[in-house]
N, C-alpha and C. Protein backbone atom coordinates (compact mmCIF):
# COMPACT_ATOMS: atom_id res chain seq x y z
N MET A 1 -5.67 17.74 -0.31
CA MET A 1 -4.83 16.60 -0.57
C MET A 1 -4.42 16.61 -2.03
N VAL A 2 -3.14 16.47 -2.28
CA VAL A 2 -2.61 16.44 -3.64
C VAL A 2 -1.98 15.08 -3.90
N LEU A 3 -2.38 14.46 -4.99
CA LEU A 3 -1.82 13.18 -5.40
C LEU A 3 -0.69 13.42 -6.38
N SER A 4 0.24 12.49 -6.43
CA SER A 4 1.30 12.61 -7.44
C SER A 4 0.92 11.70 -8.61
N TYR A 5 0.96 12.27 -9.79
CA TYR A 5 0.61 11.54 -11.00
C TYR A 5 1.86 11.36 -11.85
N GLU A 6 1.78 10.39 -12.75
CA GLU A 6 2.86 10.18 -13.69
C GLU A 6 3.00 11.41 -14.57
N PRO A 7 4.21 11.87 -14.82
CA PRO A 7 4.39 13.08 -15.64
C PRO A 7 3.81 12.96 -17.05
N GLY A 8 3.79 11.77 -17.62
CA GLY A 8 3.31 11.59 -18.99
C GLY A 8 1.81 11.40 -19.12
N ALA A 9 1.10 11.39 -18.00
CA ALA A 9 -0.35 11.17 -18.05
C ALA A 9 -1.03 12.31 -18.79
N LYS A 10 -1.79 11.97 -19.83
CA LYS A 10 -2.46 12.99 -20.62
C LYS A 10 -3.78 13.42 -19.98
N SER A 11 -4.36 12.55 -19.19
CA SER A 11 -5.61 12.90 -18.52
C SER A 11 -5.59 12.38 -17.09
N ARG A 12 -6.34 13.08 -16.27
CA ARG A 12 -6.48 12.70 -14.86
C ARG A 12 -7.98 12.67 -14.57
N ILE A 13 -8.47 11.48 -14.33
CA ILE A 13 -9.90 11.29 -14.17
C ILE A 13 -10.22 11.04 -12.70
N MET A 14 -11.19 11.78 -12.19
CA MET A 14 -11.64 11.62 -10.81
C MET A 14 -13.02 10.98 -10.85
N VAL A 15 -13.15 9.84 -10.18
CA VAL A 15 -14.41 9.12 -10.09
C VAL A 15 -14.98 9.35 -8.70
N CYS A 16 -16.14 9.96 -8.62
CA CYS A 16 -16.77 10.28 -7.34
C CYS A 16 -17.67 9.13 -6.94
N ILE A 17 -17.41 8.55 -5.77
CA ILE A 17 -18.19 7.39 -5.34
C ILE A 17 -18.85 7.65 -3.99
N THR A 18 -19.88 6.86 -3.75
CA THR A 18 -20.56 6.81 -2.47
C THR A 18 -20.58 5.33 -2.06
N PRO A 19 -20.90 5.03 -0.82
CA PRO A 19 -20.89 3.62 -0.41
C PRO A 19 -22.11 2.85 -0.94
N GLN A 20 -22.16 2.71 -2.25
CA GLN A 20 -23.23 1.96 -2.90
C GLN A 20 -22.60 1.06 -3.95
N LYS A 21 -23.05 -0.17 -4.01
CA LYS A 21 -22.48 -1.12 -4.97
C LYS A 21 -22.66 -0.66 -6.41
N SER A 22 -23.67 0.16 -6.67
CA SER A 22 -23.91 0.66 -8.02
C SER A 22 -22.75 1.53 -8.51
N CYS A 23 -21.88 1.97 -7.62
CA CYS A 23 -20.73 2.80 -8.02
C CYS A 23 -19.66 2.00 -8.76
N ARG A 24 -19.82 0.70 -8.81
CA ARG A 24 -18.87 -0.12 -9.58
C ARG A 24 -18.83 0.35 -11.03
N ARG A 25 -20.00 0.69 -11.58
CA ARG A 25 -20.05 1.13 -12.98
C ARG A 25 -19.28 2.43 -13.19
N LEU A 26 -19.24 3.27 -12.17
CA LEU A 26 -18.49 4.53 -12.28
C LEU A 26 -16.99 4.24 -12.31
N ILE A 27 -16.56 3.33 -11.47
CA ILE A 27 -15.14 2.96 -11.44
C ILE A 27 -14.75 2.32 -12.77
N GLU A 28 -15.60 1.44 -13.29
CA GLU A 28 -15.33 0.82 -14.59
C GLU A 28 -15.21 1.88 -15.68
N ARG A 29 -16.08 2.88 -15.64
CA ARG A 29 -16.03 3.96 -16.64
C ARG A 29 -14.76 4.78 -16.47
N GLY A 30 -14.37 5.06 -15.24
CA GLY A 30 -13.14 5.80 -14.99
C GLY A 30 -11.91 5.06 -15.51
N ALA A 31 -11.86 3.76 -15.28
CA ALA A 31 -10.74 2.96 -15.77
C ALA A 31 -10.73 2.92 -17.30
N GLU A 32 -11.91 2.82 -17.88
CA GLU A 32 -12.04 2.81 -19.35
C GLU A 32 -11.55 4.14 -19.94
N ARG A 33 -11.99 5.26 -19.35
CA ARG A 33 -11.57 6.59 -19.84
C ARG A 33 -10.07 6.78 -19.68
N ALA A 34 -9.52 6.32 -18.57
CA ALA A 34 -8.08 6.44 -18.36
C ALA A 34 -7.32 5.68 -19.44
N LYS A 35 -7.80 4.50 -19.78
CA LYS A 35 -7.15 3.70 -20.83
C LYS A 35 -7.29 4.38 -22.19
N GLU A 36 -8.49 4.90 -22.50
CA GLU A 36 -8.74 5.55 -23.78
C GLU A 36 -7.88 6.80 -23.98
N THR A 37 -7.59 7.49 -22.90
CA THR A 37 -6.91 8.78 -22.99
C THR A 37 -5.46 8.74 -22.53
N ASN A 38 -4.93 7.54 -22.32
CA ASN A 38 -3.56 7.38 -21.82
C ASN A 38 -3.38 8.19 -20.53
N GLY A 39 -4.34 8.00 -19.63
CA GLY A 39 -4.32 8.77 -18.39
C GLY A 39 -4.37 7.90 -17.15
N GLU A 40 -4.72 8.54 -16.06
CA GLU A 40 -4.82 7.88 -14.77
C GLU A 40 -6.15 8.26 -14.14
N PHE A 41 -6.59 7.42 -13.19
CA PHE A 41 -7.83 7.77 -12.50
C PHE A 41 -7.71 7.51 -11.01
N CYS A 42 -8.56 8.21 -10.29
CA CYS A 42 -8.64 7.99 -8.84
C CYS A 42 -10.11 7.95 -8.45
N ALA A 43 -10.42 7.09 -7.49
CA ALA A 43 -11.76 7.02 -6.92
C ALA A 43 -11.75 7.85 -5.65
N VAL A 44 -12.71 8.74 -5.51
CA VAL A 44 -12.74 9.68 -4.39
C VAL A 44 -14.07 9.58 -3.66
N TYR A 45 -13.99 9.52 -2.34
CA TYR A 45 -15.17 9.53 -1.48
C TYR A 45 -15.06 10.70 -0.52
N VAL A 46 -16.15 11.44 -0.35
CA VAL A 46 -16.16 12.55 0.59
C VAL A 46 -16.93 12.14 1.83
N ASN A 47 -16.26 12.18 2.96
CA ASN A 47 -16.86 11.87 4.25
C ASN A 47 -17.26 13.18 4.91
N LYS A 48 -18.56 13.43 5.01
CA LYS A 48 -19.04 14.70 5.59
C LYS A 48 -18.95 14.73 7.11
N ASN A 49 -19.02 13.59 7.74
CA ASN A 49 -19.13 13.56 9.20
C ASN A 49 -17.83 13.29 9.92
N ASN A 50 -16.77 13.04 9.20
CA ASN A 50 -15.47 12.74 9.79
C ASN A 50 -15.52 11.48 10.65
N ASP A 51 -16.49 10.60 10.37
CA ASP A 51 -16.62 9.35 11.11
C ASP A 51 -16.98 8.24 10.13
N ILE A 52 -15.98 7.74 9.43
CA ILE A 52 -16.21 6.76 8.38
C ILE A 52 -16.61 5.39 8.93
N TYR A 53 -16.34 5.15 10.19
CA TYR A 53 -16.64 3.83 10.77
C TYR A 53 -18.04 3.76 11.36
N ASN A 54 -18.85 4.78 11.17
CA ASN A 54 -20.17 4.84 11.76
C ASN A 54 -21.05 3.68 11.32
N ASP A 55 -21.07 3.36 10.06
CA ASP A 55 -21.89 2.28 9.54
C ASP A 55 -20.98 1.24 8.90
N LEU A 56 -20.89 0.08 9.56
CA LEU A 56 -19.96 -0.95 9.08
C LEU A 56 -20.34 -1.47 7.70
N LYS A 57 -21.62 -1.49 7.37
CA LYS A 57 -22.05 -1.95 6.04
C LYS A 57 -21.50 -1.00 4.97
N GLU A 58 -21.63 0.31 5.19
CA GLU A 58 -21.09 1.29 4.25
C GLU A 58 -19.57 1.17 4.18
N HIS A 59 -18.94 0.97 5.31
CA HIS A 59 -17.49 0.82 5.37
C HIS A 59 -17.03 -0.36 4.51
N LYS A 60 -17.75 -1.47 4.61
CA LYS A 60 -17.41 -2.67 3.84
C LYS A 60 -17.54 -2.39 2.34
N ILE A 61 -18.61 -1.73 1.94
CA ILE A 61 -18.83 -1.43 0.52
C ILE A 61 -17.72 -0.49 0.01
N LEU A 62 -17.35 0.52 0.80
CA LEU A 62 -16.27 1.42 0.38
C LEU A 62 -14.97 0.66 0.18
N ILE A 63 -14.66 -0.24 1.09
CA ILE A 63 -13.43 -1.03 0.96
C ILE A 63 -13.47 -1.85 -0.32
N GLU A 64 -14.62 -2.44 -0.62
CA GLU A 64 -14.76 -3.22 -1.86
C GLU A 64 -14.55 -2.33 -3.09
N LEU A 65 -15.14 -1.13 -3.06
CA LEU A 65 -15.00 -0.21 -4.19
C LEU A 65 -13.56 0.27 -4.34
N PHE A 66 -12.91 0.60 -3.23
CA PHE A 66 -11.52 1.04 -3.29
C PHE A 66 -10.62 -0.08 -3.79
N ASP A 67 -10.88 -1.31 -3.34
CA ASP A 67 -10.10 -2.46 -3.79
C ASP A 67 -10.27 -2.65 -5.30
N MET A 68 -11.50 -2.53 -5.78
CA MET A 68 -11.79 -2.65 -7.21
C MET A 68 -11.02 -1.59 -8.01
N ALA A 69 -11.07 -0.35 -7.53
CA ALA A 69 -10.37 0.74 -8.23
C ALA A 69 -8.87 0.47 -8.30
N GLN A 70 -8.30 0.04 -7.20
CA GLN A 70 -6.86 -0.23 -7.18
C GLN A 70 -6.50 -1.38 -8.11
N LYS A 71 -7.33 -2.42 -8.14
CA LYS A 71 -7.07 -3.57 -9.03
C LYS A 71 -7.17 -3.17 -10.50
N MET A 72 -7.94 -2.10 -10.78
CA MET A 72 -8.08 -1.62 -12.16
C MET A 72 -7.05 -0.54 -12.48
N GLY A 73 -6.10 -0.32 -11.57
CA GLY A 73 -5.02 0.62 -11.82
C GLY A 73 -5.24 2.02 -11.28
N GLY A 74 -6.29 2.22 -10.52
CA GLY A 74 -6.58 3.55 -9.99
C GLY A 74 -6.02 3.77 -8.59
N ARG A 75 -6.13 5.00 -8.17
CA ARG A 75 -5.76 5.39 -6.81
C ARG A 75 -7.05 5.66 -6.06
N VAL A 76 -6.95 5.76 -4.75
CA VAL A 76 -8.14 6.04 -3.95
C VAL A 76 -7.83 7.15 -2.94
N SER A 77 -8.87 7.94 -2.64
CA SER A 77 -8.72 9.01 -1.65
C SER A 77 -10.03 9.17 -0.89
N ILE A 78 -9.90 9.37 0.41
CA ILE A 78 -11.04 9.74 1.24
C ILE A 78 -10.82 11.18 1.64
N LEU A 79 -11.77 12.02 1.31
CA LEU A 79 -11.69 13.44 1.63
C LEU A 79 -12.69 13.75 2.74
N VAL A 80 -12.42 14.78 3.50
CA VAL A 80 -13.34 15.21 4.55
C VAL A 80 -13.75 16.64 4.24
N GLY A 81 -15.06 16.87 4.24
CA GLY A 81 -15.56 18.21 3.99
C GLY A 81 -17.04 18.30 4.27
N LYS A 82 -17.48 19.45 4.71
CA LYS A 82 -18.89 19.65 5.04
C LYS A 82 -19.77 19.74 3.80
N LYS A 83 -19.25 20.39 2.74
CA LYS A 83 -20.03 20.54 1.52
C LYS A 83 -19.34 19.72 0.41
N ILE A 84 -20.02 18.68 -0.03
CA ILE A 84 -19.41 17.72 -0.94
C ILE A 84 -18.94 18.37 -2.24
N SER A 85 -19.76 19.21 -2.85
CA SER A 85 -19.38 19.82 -4.14
C SER A 85 -18.13 20.69 -3.98
N ASP A 86 -18.04 21.45 -2.89
CA ASP A 86 -16.85 22.28 -2.65
C ASP A 86 -15.61 21.43 -2.47
N THR A 87 -15.74 20.35 -1.71
CA THR A 87 -14.60 19.47 -1.43
C THR A 87 -14.11 18.81 -2.71
N LEU A 88 -15.04 18.33 -3.53
CA LEU A 88 -14.67 17.69 -4.80
C LEU A 88 -14.02 18.68 -5.76
N ALA A 89 -14.59 19.88 -5.86
CA ALA A 89 -14.06 20.90 -6.77
C ALA A 89 -12.65 21.31 -6.36
N GLU A 90 -12.43 21.47 -5.07
CA GLU A 90 -11.10 21.85 -4.58
C GLU A 90 -10.08 20.75 -4.89
N PHE A 91 -10.46 19.50 -4.65
CA PHE A 91 -9.56 18.37 -4.94
C PHE A 91 -9.25 18.33 -6.44
N ALA A 92 -10.27 18.54 -7.27
CA ALA A 92 -10.07 18.50 -8.73
C ALA A 92 -9.09 19.58 -9.18
N ARG A 93 -9.26 20.78 -8.67
CA ARG A 93 -8.36 21.88 -9.06
C ARG A 93 -6.94 21.63 -8.53
N ASP A 94 -6.82 21.22 -7.28
CA ASP A 94 -5.51 21.00 -6.67
C ASP A 94 -4.72 19.90 -7.38
N ASN A 95 -5.44 18.92 -7.94
CA ASN A 95 -4.80 17.78 -8.58
C ASN A 95 -4.82 17.83 -10.10
N GLU A 96 -5.19 18.99 -10.66
CA GLU A 96 -5.22 19.18 -12.10
C GLU A 96 -6.00 18.08 -12.82
N ILE A 97 -7.17 17.76 -12.25
CA ILE A 97 -8.05 16.76 -12.83
C ILE A 97 -8.59 17.31 -14.16
N THR A 98 -8.67 16.43 -15.17
CA THR A 98 -9.19 16.85 -16.47
C THR A 98 -10.64 16.41 -16.69
N GLU A 99 -11.05 15.34 -16.02
CA GLU A 99 -12.41 14.83 -16.16
C GLU A 99 -12.92 14.34 -14.81
N ILE A 100 -14.21 14.53 -14.58
CA ILE A 100 -14.86 14.03 -13.37
C ILE A 100 -16.01 13.14 -13.80
N ILE A 101 -16.11 11.98 -13.18
CA ILE A 101 -17.21 11.06 -13.45
C ILE A 101 -18.04 10.94 -12.18
N VAL A 102 -19.34 11.21 -12.32
CA VAL A 102 -20.27 11.11 -11.19
C VAL A 102 -21.49 10.30 -11.62
N GLY A 103 -22.17 9.72 -10.65
CA GLY A 103 -23.41 9.02 -10.92
C GLY A 103 -24.59 9.96 -10.77
N LYS A 104 -25.60 9.75 -11.59
CA LYS A 104 -26.81 10.57 -11.51
C LYS A 104 -27.44 10.36 -10.13
N SER A 105 -27.85 11.45 -9.53
CA SER A 105 -28.47 11.40 -8.21
C SER A 105 -29.78 10.63 -8.25
N LEU A 106 -30.01 9.84 -7.22
CA LEU A 106 -31.25 9.10 -7.11
C LEU A 106 -32.29 9.87 -6.29
N ARG A 107 -31.92 11.09 -5.88
CA ARG A 107 -32.84 11.91 -5.09
C ARG A 107 -34.02 12.38 -5.93
N SER A 108 -35.16 12.46 -5.28
CA SER A 108 -36.34 13.02 -5.94
C SER A 108 -36.19 14.53 -6.01
N ALA A 109 -37.05 15.16 -6.80
CA ALA A 109 -37.02 16.63 -6.89
C ALA A 109 -37.26 17.26 -5.52
N PHE A 110 -38.13 16.66 -4.74
CA PHE A 110 -38.39 17.16 -3.39
C PHE A 110 -37.14 17.06 -2.52
N GLU A 111 -36.44 15.93 -2.59
CA GLU A 111 -35.22 15.76 -1.80
C GLU A 111 -34.13 16.75 -2.21
N VAL A 112 -34.04 17.01 -3.50
CA VAL A 112 -33.07 18.00 -3.98
C VAL A 112 -33.39 19.37 -3.41
N LEU A 113 -34.67 19.72 -3.39
CA LEU A 113 -35.08 21.00 -2.81
C LEU A 113 -34.76 21.05 -1.30
N MET A 114 -34.99 19.95 -0.62
CA MET A 114 -34.79 19.92 0.84
C MET A 114 -33.31 19.84 1.23
N TYR A 115 -32.57 18.99 0.54
CA TYR A 115 -31.20 18.70 0.97
C TYR A 115 -30.12 19.21 0.02
N GLY A 116 -30.51 19.70 -1.13
CA GLY A 116 -29.54 20.23 -2.07
C GLY A 116 -29.06 19.21 -3.08
N ASP A 117 -28.28 19.70 -4.00
CA ASP A 117 -27.77 18.93 -5.12
C ASP A 117 -26.25 19.00 -5.08
N VAL A 118 -25.59 17.96 -5.52
CA VAL A 118 -24.13 17.96 -5.57
C VAL A 118 -23.64 18.22 -6.99
N ILE A 119 -24.28 17.62 -7.97
CA ILE A 119 -23.77 17.62 -9.34
C ILE A 119 -23.76 19.02 -9.96
N ASN A 120 -24.87 19.73 -9.93
CA ASN A 120 -24.92 21.05 -10.57
C ASN A 120 -23.96 22.05 -9.94
N PRO A 121 -23.88 22.16 -8.62
CA PRO A 121 -22.88 23.07 -8.05
C PRO A 121 -21.45 22.66 -8.40
N LEU A 122 -21.20 21.36 -8.47
CA LEU A 122 -19.86 20.88 -8.84
C LEU A 122 -19.53 21.31 -10.28
N ILE A 123 -20.46 21.11 -11.19
CA ILE A 123 -20.24 21.50 -12.59
C ILE A 123 -19.93 22.99 -12.67
N LYS A 124 -20.70 23.81 -11.97
CA LYS A 124 -20.48 25.26 -12.00
C LYS A 124 -19.10 25.63 -11.45
N GLN A 125 -18.67 24.94 -10.42
CA GLN A 125 -17.39 25.27 -9.79
C GLN A 125 -16.18 24.88 -10.63
N VAL A 126 -16.31 23.83 -11.44
CA VAL A 126 -15.14 23.37 -12.20
C VAL A 126 -15.14 23.80 -13.66
N GLU A 127 -16.23 24.39 -14.13
CA GLU A 127 -16.28 24.77 -15.56
C GLU A 127 -15.22 25.82 -15.90
N GLU A 128 -14.90 26.71 -14.98
CA GLU A 128 -13.86 27.72 -15.23
C GLU A 128 -12.50 27.08 -15.46
N SER A 129 -12.29 25.93 -14.85
CA SER A 129 -11.01 25.22 -14.97
C SER A 129 -11.00 24.27 -16.15
N ASN A 130 -12.04 24.31 -16.99
CA ASN A 130 -12.15 23.43 -18.16
C ASN A 130 -12.10 21.95 -17.79
N ILE A 131 -12.72 21.61 -16.68
CA ILE A 131 -12.81 20.21 -16.26
C ILE A 131 -14.16 19.68 -16.74
N MET A 132 -14.13 18.62 -17.53
CA MET A 132 -15.35 18.02 -18.05
C MET A 132 -15.98 17.14 -16.97
N VAL A 133 -17.30 17.22 -16.84
CA VAL A 133 -18.02 16.36 -15.89
C VAL A 133 -18.95 15.45 -16.68
N GLU A 134 -18.79 14.16 -16.48
CA GLU A 134 -19.65 13.17 -17.13
C GLU A 134 -20.57 12.57 -16.08
N VAL A 135 -21.87 12.68 -16.31
CA VAL A 135 -22.87 12.13 -15.39
C VAL A 135 -23.36 10.81 -15.98
N ILE A 136 -23.19 9.75 -15.20
CA ILE A 136 -23.55 8.40 -15.64
C ILE A 136 -24.91 8.03 -15.05
N GLU A 137 -25.79 7.53 -15.89
CA GLU A 137 -27.13 7.09 -15.43
C GLU A 137 -27.00 5.86 -14.56
């Protein structure tokens, strides 16, 4: 999926969200960075299962987050992909993203070993494209 950005935008910030209310801080940071850099931002969610309506509580939180992003001047996108880091990296390259904002994983070291990590593979995939990744606590 390719978004159309304003030609004069100096930066394109991608904010990676999950259906958690704590992602509000990520959207706020994305809007702040867009303002600081005379750029634009988009909030992006990756749906691994291709069934976003599975959990109505998560659906409600995503709608709230997307509404917040739009009210702050951002765009929103729902992507579908089996591997989240691959899907995010592809979207970033296709849309000439200059910065990515992600939240620090709440997974334990054991969970990372069992289920994998998103942030480190994402950083490795986008570093060749000179895309900065900011991890927010």
